[in-house]
Structures are given as structure tokens and as C-alpha cells.
Amino acid sequence: MNKRFLSPIISGLIYPGAGQLLNGHHLKGWTIITITSLNLVFLIFFIFKGFITVIKNISAPFGSMWEFIAASLAMNGRHELVLLIVLFALWIYAIVDAHIGAPPEKSTV
């Protein structure tokens, strides 16, 4: 399989930025990997912060896990939503850029 098709698959399925590394665009690849990693760290931090806030403010257990998650997002959900949008946009950018930045197929004729 050539890089034109392998790069976006790797960038989309393994980790955003991996396709850029495969294409030889190391600075761009490591930048995307760093931004994605920081985004995930902050996302996990805000999710746990929301869960802790909900746990401190409830007096009785919730009926289901989904109600617990919904209450957590309602109290502190703006940060998570912004981080998820940025993560999704970065992921799509990495897939498209890996495909566009891949070297063209070599003709074997």
C-alpha cells in the first residue's frame, strides 16, 4: 500500500500526526502530536474535575451512570465541549493533511 493511502489511515486510526511523520513532515507531525496530547490531558483533567464537583455536591446516588455524566457536564461542560471540538477538528485536519502531503504514486510503466 502506498503512502498516499497509508498516511491518512495511520493519522486517523493510530494518532493524529502519525501520518505526517510517515510522510517525512516531522515538525508538523510532532506539533500535531503535541497539541493532541495536551488537548487530551486537559480534557481528562476537566472531566475528572467535573466528576469531583458532582460527587461533592450530591447527597444521594444518581439513578444511572448517564445521569451522573450529564450532571457533571452540566456543571462544568463548556471546557470539555471546546476541547472536544478542537480535538475533532485537529483529527480531521491531520487526516486530510496526511493525504494531501503524501508523495504521489510512482509510475511503474
PDB file of N, CA and C in Angstrom:
ATOM      1  N   MET A   1       0.851  -1.172   0.000  1.00  0.00           N
ATOM      2  CA  MET A   1       0.000   0.000   0.000  1.00  0.00           C
ATOM      3  C   MET A   1       0.901   1.240   0.000  1.00  0.00           C
ATOM      4  N   ASN A   2       0.589   2.216  -0.829  1.00  0.00           N
ATOM      5  CA  ASN A   2       1.455   3.383  -0.932  1.00  0.00           C
ATOM      6  C   ASN A   2       1.135   4.407   0.154  1.00  0.00           C
ATOM      7  N   LYS A   3       2.022   5.387   0.299  1.00  0.00           N
ATOM      8  CA  LYS A   3       1.875   6.397   1.344  1.00  0.00           C
ATOM      9  C   LYS A   3       0.640   7.269   1.141  1.00  0.00           C
ATOM     10  N   ARG A   4       0.190   7.406  -0.081  1.00  0.00           N
ATOM     11  CA  ARG A   4      -0.968   8.258  -0.380  1.00  0.00           C
ATOM     12  C   ARG A   4      -2.203   7.764   0.368  1.00  0.00           C
ATOM     13  N   PHE A   5      -2.317   6.467   0.564  1.00  0.00           N
ATOM     14  CA  PHE A   5      -3.468   5.904   1.261  1.00  0.00           C
ATOM     15  C   PHE A   5      -3.127   5.490   2.688  1.00  0.00           C
ATOM     16  N   LEU A   6      -1.885   5.111   2.936  1.00  0.00           N
ATOM     17  CA  LEU A   6      -1.476   4.646   4.257  1.00  0.00           C
ATOM     18  C   LEU A   6      -1.371   5.796   5.262  1.00  0.00           C
ATOM     19  N   SER A   7      -0.892   6.962   4.839  1.00  0.00           N
ATOM     20  CA  SER A   7      -0.695   8.093   5.754  1.00  0.00           C
ATOM     21  C   SER A   7      -1.984   8.555   6.434  1.00  0.00           C
ATOM     22  N   PRO A   8      -3.053   8.813   5.672  1.00  0.00           N
ATOM     23  CA  PRO A   8      -4.273   9.246   6.368  1.00  0.00           C
ATOM     24  C   PRO A   8      -4.879   8.162   7.249  1.00  0.00           C
ATOM     25  N   ILE A   9      -4.710   6.910   6.866  1.00  0.00           N
ATOM     26  CA  ILE A   9      -5.227   5.816   7.685  1.00  0.00           C
ATOM     27  C   ILE A   9      -4.494   5.780   9.014  1.00  0.00           C
ATOM     28  N   ILE A  10      -3.174   5.899   8.975  1.00  0.00           N
ATOM     29  CA  ILE A  10      -2.380   5.898  10.204  1.00  0.00           C
ATOM     30  C   ILE A  10      -2.713   7.124  11.050  1.00  0.00           C
ATOM     31  N   SER A  11      -2.818   8.279  10.409  1.00  0.00           N
ATOM     32  CA  SER A  11      -3.122   9.508  11.140  1.00  0.00           C
ATOM     33  C   SER A  11      -4.528   9.476  11.723  1.00  0.00           C
ATOM     34  N   GLY A  12      -5.424   8.794  11.080  1.00  0.00           N
ATOM     35  CA  GLY A  12      -6.798   8.728  11.564  1.00  0.00           C
ATOM     36  C   GLY A  12      -7.043   7.646  12.589  1.00  0.00           C
ATOM     37  N   LEU A  13      -6.369   6.524  12.451  1.00  0.00           N
ATOM     38  CA  LEU A  13      -6.647   5.399  13.331  1.00  0.00           C
ATOM     39  C   LEU A  13      -5.661   5.269  14.489  1.00  0.00           C
ATOM     40  N   ILE A  14      -4.414   5.593  14.279  1.00  0.00           N
ATOM     41  CA  ILE A  14      -3.423   5.407  15.334  1.00  0.00           C
ATOM     42  C   ILE A  14      -3.336   6.651  16.217  1.00  0.00           C
ATOM     43  N   TYR A  15      -2.958   7.776  15.655  1.00  0.00           N
ATOM     44  CA  TYR A  15      -2.838   9.018  16.418  1.00  0.00           C
ATOM     45  C   TYR A  15      -2.682  10.164  15.436  1.00  0.00           C
ATOM     46  N   PRO A  16      -3.382  11.260  15.650  1.00  0.00           N
ATOM     47  CA  PRO A  16      -3.215  12.404  14.748  1.00  0.00           C
ATOM     48  C   PRO A  16      -1.766  12.888  14.752  1.00  0.00           C
ATOM     49  N   GLY A  17      -1.191  13.037  13.581  1.00  0.00           N
ATOM     50  CA  GLY A  17       0.200  13.445  13.426  1.00  0.00           C
ATOM     51  C   GLY A  17       1.106  12.311  12.988  1.00  0.00           C
ATOM     52  N   ALA A  18       0.669  11.076  13.182  1.00  0.00           N
ATOM     53  CA  ALA A  18       1.493   9.928  12.788  1.00  0.00           C
ATOM     54  C   ALA A  18       1.639   9.845  11.267  1.00  0.00           C
ATOM     55  N   GLY A  19       0.611  10.227  10.548  1.00  0.00           N
ATOM     56  CA  GLY A  19       0.680  10.225   9.086  1.00  0.00           C
ATOM     57  C   GLY A  19       1.672  11.257   8.570  1.00  0.00           C
ATOM     58  N   GLN A  20       1.751  12.397   9.247  1.00  0.00           N
ATOM     59  CA  GLN A  20       2.718  13.424   8.850  1.00  0.00           C
ATOM     60  C   GLN A  20       4.140  12.922   9.083  1.00  0.00           C
ATOM     61  N   LEU A  21       4.358  12.200  10.181  1.00  0.00           N
ATOM     62  CA  LEU A  21       5.685  11.620  10.429  1.00  0.00           C
ATOM     63  C   LEU A  21       6.045  10.612   9.345  1.00  0.00           C
ATOM     64  N   LEU A  22       5.072   9.802   8.932  1.00  0.00           N
ATOM     65  CA  LEU A  22       5.305   8.825   7.873  1.00  0.00           C
ATOM     66  C   LEU A  22       5.660   9.518   6.561  1.00  0.00           C
ATOM     67  N   ASN A  23       5.060  10.682   6.317  1.00  0.00           N
ATOM     68  CA  ASN A  23       5.342  11.426   5.086  1.00  0.00           C
ATOM     69  C   ASN A  23       6.659  12.188   5.148  1.00  0.00           C
ATOM     70  N   GLY A  24       7.307  12.221   6.305  1.00  0.00           N
ATOM     71  CA  GLY A  24       8.568  12.933   6.431  1.00  0.00           C
ATOM     72  C   GLY A  24       8.414  14.375   6.880  1.00  0.00           C
ATOM     73  N   HIS A  25       7.208  14.793   7.245  1.00  0.00           N
ATOM     74  CA  HIS A  25       6.968  16.149   7.748  1.00  0.00           C
ATOM     75  C   HIS A  25       7.047  16.109   9.274  1.00  0.00           C
ATOM     76  N   HIS A  26       8.276  16.033   9.773  1.00  0.00           N
ATOM     77  CA  HIS A  26       8.493  15.784  11.194  1.00  0.00           C
ATOM     78  C   HIS A  26       8.037  16.937  12.086  1.00  0.00           C
ATOM     79  N   LEU A  27       8.335  18.172  11.724  1.00  0.00           N
ATOM     80  CA  LEU A  27       7.928  19.305  12.558  1.00  0.00           C
ATOM     81  C   LEU A  27       6.406  19.386  12.663  1.00  0.00           C
ATOM     82  N   LYS A  28       5.733  19.258  11.540  1.00  0.00           N
ATOM     83  CA  LYS A  28       4.268  19.308  11.534  1.00  0.00           C
ATOM     84  C   LYS A  28       3.694  18.118  12.305  1.00  0.00           C
ATOM     85  N   GLY A  29       4.263  16.950  12.110  1.00  0.00           N
ATOM     86  CA  GLY A  29       3.776  15.757  12.800  1.00  0.00           C
ATOM     87  C   GLY A  29       3.913  15.867  14.309  1.00  0.00           C
ATOM     88  N   TRP A  30       5.088  16.283  14.780  1.00  0.00           N
ATOM     89  CA  TRP A  30       5.305  16.411  16.223  1.00  0.00           C
ATOM     90  C   TRP A  30       4.477  17.544  16.812  1.00  0.00           C
ATOM     91  N   THR A  31       4.232  18.597  16.035  1.00  0.00           N
ATOM     92  CA  THR A  31       3.370  19.681  16.510  1.00  0.00           C
ATOM     93  C   THR A  31       1.942  19.184  16.700  1.00  0.00           C
ATOM     94  N   ILE A  32       1.431  18.443  15.730  1.00  0.00           N
ATOM     95  CA  ILE A  32       0.075  17.897  15.843  1.00  0.00           C
ATOM     96  C   ILE A  32      -0.017  16.901  16.994  1.00  0.00           C
ATOM     97  N   ILE A  33       0.990  16.061  17.155  1.00  0.00           N
ATOM     98  CA  ILE A  33       1.000  15.094  18.258  1.00  0.00           C
ATOM     99  C   ILE A  33       1.028  15.808  19.604  1.00  0.00           C
ATOM    100  N   THR A  34       1.831  16.866  19.730  1.00  0.00           N
ATOM    101  CA  THR A  34       1.916  17.615  20.980  1.00  0.00           C
ATOM    102  C   THR A  34       0.597  18.308  21.311  1.00  0.00           C
ATOM    103  N   ILE A  35       0.005  18.970  20.324  1.00  0.00           N
ATOM    104  CA  ILE A  35      -1.272  19.661  20.561  1.00  0.00           C
ATOM    105  C   ILE A  35      -2.371  18.654  20.917  1.00  0.00           C
ATOM    106  N   THR A  36      -2.399  17.522  20.234  1.00  0.00           N
ATOM    107  CA  THR A  36      -3.387  16.485  20.537  1.00  0.00           C
ATOM    108  C   THR A  36      -3.197  15.939  21.948  1.00  0.00           C
ATOM    109  N   SER A  37      -1.953  15.678  22.320  1.00  0.00           N
ATOM    110  CA  SER A  37      -1.669  15.137  23.651  1.00  0.00           C
ATOM    111  C   SER A  37      -2.056  16.125  24.745  1.00  0.00           C
ATOM    112  N   LEU A  38      -1.701  17.406  24.569  1.00  0.00           N
ATOM    113  CA  LEU A  38      -2.088  18.421  25.546  1.00  0.00           C
ATOM    114  C   LEU A  38      -3.602  18.557  25.627  1.00  0.00           C
ATOM    115  N   ASN A  39      -4.256  18.501  24.485  1.00  0.00           N
ATOM    116  CA  ASN A  39      -5.711  18.573  24.455  1.00  0.00           C
ATOM    117  C   ASN A  39      -6.313  17.413  25.250  1.00  0.00           C
ATOM    118  N   LEU A  40      -5.793  16.212  25.063  1.00  0.00           N
ATOM    119  CA  LEU A  40      -6.314  15.049  25.786  1.00  0.00           C
ATOM    120  C   LEU A  40      -6.056  15.159  27.290  1.00  0.00           C
ATOM    121  N   VAL A  41      -4.880  15.669  27.676  1.00  0.00           N
ATOM    122  CA  VAL A  41      -4.568  15.844  29.102  1.00  0.00           C
ATOM    123  C   VAL A  41      -5.559  16.815  29.738  1.00  0.00           C
ATOM    124  N   PHE A  42      -5.788  17.965  29.076  1.00  0.00           N
ATOM    125  CA  PHE A  42      -6.734  18.940  29.617  1.00  0.00           C
ATOM    126  C   PHE A  42      -8.154  18.398  29.623  1.00  0.00           C
ATOM    127  N   LEU A  43      -8.522  17.644  28.607  1.00  0.00           N
ATOM    128  CA  LEU A  43      -9.862  17.054  28.552  1.00  0.00           C
ATOM    129  C   LEU A  43     -10.068  16.098  29.727  1.00  0.00           C
ATOM    130  N   ILE A  44      -9.102  15.239  29.983  1.00  0.00           N
ATOM    131  CA  ILE A  44      -9.196  14.305  31.115  1.00  0.00           C
ATOM    132  C   ILE A  44      -9.244  15.067  32.430  1.00  0.00           C
ATOM    133  N   PHE A  45      -8.435  16.127  32.552  1.00  0.00           N
ATOM    134  CA  PHE A  45      -8.426  16.934  33.764  1.00  0.00           C
ATOM    135  C   PHE A  45      -9.800  17.546  34.025  1.00  0.00           C
ATOM    136  N   PHE A  46     -10.399  18.169  33.016  1.00  0.00           N
ATOM    137  CA  PHE A  46     -11.690  18.809  33.205  1.00  0.00           C
ATOM    138  C   PHE A  46     -12.811  17.801  33.446  1.00  0.00           C
ATOM    139  N   ILE A  47     -12.715  16.630  32.841  1.00  0.00           N
ATOM    140  CA  ILE A  47     -13.726  15.594  33.093  1.00  0.00           C
ATOM    141  C   ILE A  47     -13.649  15.137  34.547  1.00  0.00           C
ATOM    142  N   PHE A  48     -12.441  14.867  35.043  1.00  0.00           N
ATOM    143  CA  PHE A  48     -12.297  14.452  36.440  1.00  0.00           C
ATOM    144  C   PHE A  48     -12.692  15.568  37.395  1.00  0.00           C
ATOM    145  N   LYS A  49     -12.361  16.807  37.047  1.00  0.00           N
ATOM    146  CA  LYS A  49     -12.757  17.947  37.874  1.00  0.00           C
ATOM    147  C   LYS A  49     -14.276  18.038  37.956  1.00  0.00           C
ATOM    148  N   GLY A  50     -14.951  17.821  36.836  1.00  0.00           N
ATOM    149  CA  GLY A  50     -16.414  17.830  36.835  1.00  0.00           C
ATOM    150  C   GLY A  50     -16.991  16.702  37.667  1.00  0.00           C
ATOM    151  N   PHE A  51     -16.405  15.505  37.570  1.00  0.00           N
ATOM    152  CA  PHE A  51     -16.886  14.382  38.369  1.00  0.00           C
ATOM    153  C   PHE A  51     -16.703  14.655  39.858  1.00  0.00           C
ATOM    154  N   ILE A  52     -15.578  15.214  40.240  1.00  0.00           N
ATOM    155  CA  ILE A  52     -15.329  15.516  41.652  1.00  0.00           C
ATOM    156  C   ILE A  52     -16.317  16.560  42.151  1.00  0.00           C
ATOM    157  N   THR A  53     -16.606  17.578  41.330  1.00  0.00           N
ATOM    158  CA  THR A  53     -17.586  18.601  41.699  1.00  0.00           C
ATOM    159  C   THR A  53     -18.964  17.981  41.905  1.00  0.00           C
ATOM    160  N   VAL A  54     -19.359  17.098  41.023  1.00  0.00           N
ATOM    161  CA  VAL A  54     -20.666  16.444  41.157  1.00  0.00           C
ATOM    162  C   VAL A  54     -20.696  15.574  42.408  1.00  0.00           C
ATOM    163  N   ILE A  55     -19.633  14.835  42.653  1.00  0.00           N
ATOM    164  CA  ILE A  55     -19.592  13.949  43.825  1.00  0.00           C
ATOM    165  C   ILE A  55     -19.703  14.762  45.113  1.00  0.00           C
ATOM    166  N   LYS A  56     -19.035  15.920  45.149  1.00  0.00           N
ATOM    167  CA  LYS A  56     -19.099  16.759  46.351  1.00  0.00           C
ATOM    168  C   LYS A  56     -20.474  17.386  46.548  1.00  0.00           C
ATOM    169  N   ASN A  57     -21.216  17.615  45.476  1.00  0.00           N
ATOM    170  CA  ASN A  57     -22.488  18.330  45.565  1.00  0.00           C
ATOM    171  C   ASN A  57     -23.724  17.439  45.621  1.00  0.00           C
ATOM    172  N   ILE A  58     -23.562  16.128  45.508  1.00  0.00           N
ATOM    173  CA  ILE A  58     -24.749  15.267  45.565  1.00  0.00           C
ATOM    174  C   ILE A  58     -24.896  14.678  46.968  1.00  0.00           C
ATOM    175  N   SER A  59     -26.125  14.479  47.362  1.00  0.00           N
ATOM    176  CA  SER A  59     -26.366  13.875  48.672  1.00  0.00           C
ATOM    177  C   SER A  59     -26.850  12.437  48.538  1.00  0.00           C
ATOM    178  N   ALA A  60     -27.384  12.095  47.376  1.00  0.00           N
ATOM    179  CA  ALA A  60     -27.861  10.733  47.132  1.00  0.00           C
ATOM    180  C   ALA A  60     -27.312  10.275  45.783  1.00  0.00           C
ATOM    181  N   PRO A  61     -27.094   8.977  45.612  1.00  0.00           N
ATOM    182  CA  PRO A  61     -26.573   8.498  44.330  1.00  0.00           C
ATOM    183  C   PRO A  61     -27.575   8.702  43.195  1.00  0.00           C
ATOM    184  N   PHE A  62     -27.030   8.865  41.987  1.00  0.00           N
ATOM    185  CA  PHE A  62     -27.859   9.023  40.795  1.00  0.00           C
ATOM    186  C   PHE A  62     -28.419   7.684  40.373  1.00  0.00           C
ATOM    187  N   GLY A  63     -29.456   7.727  39.523  1.00  0.00           N
ATOM    188  CA  GLY A  63     -30.102   6.510  39.055  1.00  0.00           C
ATOM    189  C   GLY A  63     -29.250   5.718  38.080  1.00  0.00           C
ATOM    190  N   SER A  64     -28.490   6.414  37.216  1.00  0.00           N
ATOM    191  CA  SER A  64     -27.664   5.694  36.248  1.00  0.00           C
ATOM    192  C   SER A  64     -26.373   6.468  36.006  1.00  0.00           C
ATOM    193  N   MET A  65     -25.444   5.818  35.362  1.00  0.00           N
ATOM    194  CA  MET A  65     -24.161   6.453  35.061  1.00  0.00           C
ATOM    195  C   MET A  65     -24.357   7.625  34.108  1.00  0.00           C
ATOM    196  N   TRP A  66     -25.313   7.502  33.178  1.00  0.00           N
ATOM    197  CA  TRP A  66     -25.559   8.573  32.216  1.00  0.00           C
ATOM    198  C   TRP A  66     -26.068   9.831  32.902  1.00  0.00           C
ATOM    199  N   GLU A  67     -26.892   9.671  33.933  1.00  0.00           N
ATOM    200  CA  GLU A  67     -27.364  10.833  34.690  1.00  0.00           C
ATOM    201  C   GLU A  67     -26.208  11.506  35.427  1.00  0.00           C
ATOM    202  N   PHE A  68     -25.307  10.701  35.941  1.00  0.00           N
ATOM    203  CA  PHE A  68     -24.126  11.219  36.627  1.00  0.00           C
ATOM    204  C   PHE A  68     -23.242  12.006  35.659  1.00  0.00           C
ATOM    205  N   ILE A  69     -23.021  11.463  34.465  1.00  0.00           N
ATOM    206  CA  ILE A  69     -22.203  12.150  33.451  1.00  0.00           C
ATOM    207  C   ILE A  69     -22.898  13.429  32.994  1.00  0.00           C
ATOM    208  N   ALA A  70     -24.206  13.373  32.796  1.00  0.00           N
ATOM    209  CA  ALA A  70     -24.948  14.564  32.380  1.00  0.00           C
ATOM    210  C   ALA A  70     -24.871  15.658  33.436  1.00  0.00           C
ATOM    211  N   ALA A  71     -24.952  15.299  34.697  1.00  0.00           N
ATOM    212  CA  ALA A  71     -24.849  16.297  35.771  1.00  0.00           C
ATOM    213  C   ALA A  71     -23.444  16.894  35.805  1.00  0.00           C
ATOM    214  N   SER A  72     -22.454  16.084  35.584  1.00  0.00           N
ATOM    215  CA  SER A  72     -21.074  16.570  35.560  1.00  0.00           C
ATOM    216  C   SER A  72     -20.856  17.552  34.419  1.00  0.00           C
ATOM    217  N   LEU A  73     -21.348  17.216  33.235  1.00  0.00           N
ATOM    218  CA  LEU A  73     -21.196  18.105  32.081  1.00  0.00           C
ATOM    219  C   LEU A  73     -22.007  19.387  32.242  1.00  0.00           C
ATOM    220  N   ALA A  74     -23.152  19.295  32.908  1.00  0.00           N
ATOM    221  CA  ALA A  74     -23.972  20.486  33.124  1.00  0.00           C
ATOM    222  C   ALA A  74     -23.270  21.472  34.046  1.00  0.00           C
ATOM    223  N   MET A  75     -22.510  20.975  35.004  1.00  0.00           N
ATOM    224  CA  MET A  75     -21.810  21.852  35.942  1.00  0.00           C
ATOM    225  C   MET A  75     -20.534  22.445  35.355  1.00  0.00           C
ATOM    226  N   ASN A  76     -19.858  21.711  34.517  1.00  0.00           N
ATOM    227  CA  ASN A  76     -18.545  22.147  34.047  1.00  0.00           C
ATOM    228  C   ASN A  76     -18.332  21.714  32.599  1.00  0.00           C
ATOM    229  N   GLY A  77     -19.352  21.810  31.748  1.00  0.00           N
ATOM    230  CA  GLY A  77     -19.280  21.218  30.432  1.00  0.00           C
ATOM    231  C   GLY A  77     -18.713  22.068  29.322  1.00  0.00           C
ATOM    232  N   ARG A  78     -18.547  23.375  29.528  1.00  0.00           N
ATOM    233  CA  ARG A  78     -18.077  24.226  28.437  1.00  0.00           C
ATOM    234  C   ARG A  78     -16.644  23.902  28.030  1.00  0.00           C
ATOM    235  N   HIS A  79     -15.798  23.657  29.005  1.00  0.00           N
ATOM    236  CA  HIS A  79     -14.399  23.346  28.691  1.00  0.00           C
ATOM    237  C   HIS A  79     -14.286  22.057  27.891  1.00  0.00           C
ATOM    238  N   GLU A  80     -15.031  21.059  28.325  1.00  0.00           N
ATOM    239  CA  GLU A  80     -14.974  19.775  27.639  1.00  0.00           C
ATOM    240  C   GLU A  80     -15.475  19.884  26.210  1.00  0.00           C
ATOM    241  N   LEU A  81     -16.528  20.657  26.010  1.00  0.00           N
ATOM    242  CA  LEU A  81     -17.086  20.813  24.671  1.00  0.00           C
ATOM    243  C   LEU A  81     -16.088  21.500  23.741  1.00  0.00           C
ATOM    244  N   VAL A  82     -15.453  22.548  24.208  1.00  0.00           N
ATOM    245  CA  VAL A  82     -14.450  23.251  23.390  1.00  0.00           C
ATOM    246  C   VAL A  82     -13.284  22.320  23.080  1.00  0.00           C
ATOM    247  N   LEU A  83     -12.809  21.588  24.073  1.00  0.00           N
ATOM    248  CA  LEU A  83     -11.685  20.672  23.842  1.00  0.00           C
ATOM    249  C   LEU A  83     -12.060  19.549  22.878  1.00  0.00           C
ATOM    250  N   LEU A  84     -13.282  19.046  22.973  1.00  0.00           N
ATOM    251  CA  LEU A  84     -13.722  18.009  22.037  1.00  0.00           C
ATOM    252  C   LEU A  84     -13.816  18.540  20.616  1.00  0.00           C
ATOM    253  N   ILE A  85     -14.307  19.772  20.458  1.00  0.00           N
ATOM    254  CA  ILE A  85     -14.392  20.370  19.118  1.00  0.00           C
ATOM    255  C   ILE A  85     -12.991  20.565  18.542  1.00  0.00           C
ATOM    256  N   VAL A  86     -12.060  21.070  19.358  1.00  0.00           N
ATOM    257  CA  VAL A  86     -10.678  21.261  18.899  1.00  0.00           C
ATOM    258  C   VAL A  86     -10.053  19.915  18.541  1.00  0.00           C
ATOM    259  N   LEU A  87     -10.273  18.903  19.368  1.00  0.00           N
ATOM    260  CA  LEU A  87      -9.716  17.574  19.098  1.00  0.00           C
ATOM    261  C   LEU A  87     -10.270  17.003  17.796  1.00  0.00           C
ATOM    262  N   PHE A  88     -11.569  17.128  17.582  1.00  0.00           N
ATOM    263  CA  PHE A  88     -12.190  16.628  16.361  1.00  0.00           C
ATOM    264  C   PHE A  88     -11.646  17.364  15.132  1.00  0.00           C
ATOM    265  N   ALA A  89     -11.557  18.694  15.217  1.00  0.00           N
ATOM    266  CA  ALA A  89     -11.042  19.489  14.092  1.00  0.00           C
ATOM    267  C   ALA A  89      -9.584  19.140  13.799  1.00  0.00           C
ATOM    268  N   LEU A  90      -8.790  18.971  14.832  1.00  0.00           N
ATOM    269  CA  LEU A  90      -7.382  18.608  14.649  1.00  0.00           C
ATOM    270  C   LEU A  90      -7.249  17.219  14.033  1.00  0.00           C
ATOM    271  N   TRP A  91      -8.096  16.300  14.444  1.00  0.00           N
ATOM    272  CA  TRP A  91      -8.074  14.942  13.909  1.00  0.00           C
ATOM    273  C   TRP A  91      -8.410  14.944  12.422  1.00  0.00           C
ATOM    274  N   ILE A  92      -9.453  15.672  12.043  1.00  0.00           N
ATOM    275  CA  ILE A  92      -9.830  15.769  10.627  1.00  0.00           C
ATOM    276  C   ILE A  92      -8.714  16.445   9.833  1.00  0.00           C
ATOM    277  N   TYR A  93      -8.147  17.530  10.381  1.00  0.00           N
ATOM    278  CA  TYR A  93      -7.045  18.216   9.699  1.00  0.00           C
ATOM    279  C   TYR A  93      -5.868  17.264   9.477  1.00  0.00           C
ATOM    280  N   ALA A  94      -5.526  16.478  10.489  1.00  0.00           N
ATOM    281  CA  ALA A  94      -4.389  15.558  10.372  1.00  0.00           C
ATOM    282  C   ALA A  94      -4.632  14.513   9.289  1.00  0.00           C
ATOM    283  N   ILE A  95      -5.852  14.008   9.191  1.00  0.00           N
ATOM    284  CA  ILE A  95      -6.165  13.004   8.170  1.00  0.00           C
ATOM    285  C   ILE A  95      -6.063  13.615   6.772  1.00  0.00           C
ATOM    286  N   VAL A  96      -6.679  14.783   6.584  1.00  0.00           N
ATOM    287  CA  VAL A  96      -6.672  15.432   5.266  1.00  0.00           C
ATOM    288  C   VAL A  96      -5.254  15.856   4.889  1.00  0.00           C
ATOM    289  N   ASP A  97      -4.519  16.446   5.841  1.00  0.00           N
ATOM    290  CA  ASP A  97      -3.167  16.900   5.561  1.00  0.00           C
ATOM    291  C   ASP A  97      -2.231  15.726   5.265  1.00  0.00           C
ATOM    292  N   ALA A  98      -2.409  14.614   5.950  1.00  0.00           N
ATOM    293  CA  ALA A  98      -1.579  13.442   5.680  1.00  0.00           C
ATOM    294  C   ALA A  98      -1.827  12.924   4.265  1.00  0.00           C
ATOM    295  N   HIS A  99      -3.070  12.986   3.814  1.00  0.00           N
ATOM    296  CA  HIS A  99      -3.383  12.536   2.454  1.00  0.00           C
ATOM    297  C   HIS A  99      -2.820  13.505   1.418  1.00  0.00           C
ATOM    298  N   ILE A 100      -3.015  14.798   1.647  1.00  0.00           N
ATOM    299  CA  ILE A 100      -2.530  15.802   0.691  1.00  0.00           C
ATOM    300  C   ILE A 100      -1.008  15.859   0.670  1.00  0.00           C
ATOM    301  N   GLY A 101      -0.382  15.714   1.835  1.00  0.00           N
ATOM    302  CA  GLY A 101       1.073  15.829   1.927  1.00  0.00           C
ATOM    303  C   GLY A 101       1.839  14.576   1.551  1.00  0.00           C
ATOM    304  N   ALA A 102       1.131  13.495   1.273  1.00  0.00           N
ATOM    305  CA  ALA A 102       1.805  12.252   0.898  1.00  0.00           C
ATOM    306  C   ALA A 102       2.397  12.382  -0.497  1.00  0.00           C
ATOM    307  N   PRO A 103       3.544  11.769  -0.709  1.00  0.00           N
ATOM    308  CA  PRO A 103       4.133  11.842  -2.049  1.00  0.00           C
ATOM    309  C   PRO A 103       3.246  11.115  -3.065  1.00  0.00           C
ATOM    310  N   PRO A 104       3.229  11.628  -4.293  1.00  0.00           N
ATOM    311  CA  PRO A 104       2.394  10.974  -5.312  1.00  0.00           C
ATOM    312  C   PRO A 104       2.918   9.581  -5.641  1.00  0.00           C
ATOM    313  N   GLU A 105       2.021   8.778  -6.178  1.00  0.00           N
ATOM    314  CA  GLU A 105       2.414   7.422  -6.582  1.00  0.00           C
ATOM    315  C   GLU A 105       3.448   7.479  -7.694  1.00  0.00           C
ATOM    316  N   LYS A 106       4.370   6.540  -7.617  1.00  0.00           N
ATOM    317  CA  LYS A 106       5.370   6.448  -8.692  1.00  0.00           C
ATOM    318  C   LYS A 106       4.815   5.561  -9.795  1.00  0.00           C
ATOM    319  N   SER A 107       4.988   6.016 -10.989  1.00  0.00           N
ATOM    320  CA  SER A 107       4.501   5.259 -12.133  1.00  0.00           C
ATOM    321  C   SER A 107       5.443   4.075 -12.389  1.00  0.00           C
ATOM    322  N   THR A 108       4.855   2.902 -12.569  1.00  0.00           N
ATOM    323  CA  THR A 108       5.655   1.715 -12.815  1.00  0.00           C
ATOM    324  C   THR A 108       5.594   1.301 -14.285  1.00  0.00           C
ATOM    325  N   VAL A 109       5.176   2.205 -15.138  1.00  0.00           N
ATOM    326  CA  VAL A 109       5.037   1.885 -16.552  1.00  0.00           C
ATOM    327  C   VAL A 109       6.351   1.973 -17.265  1.00  0.00           C
TER     328      VAL A 109
END
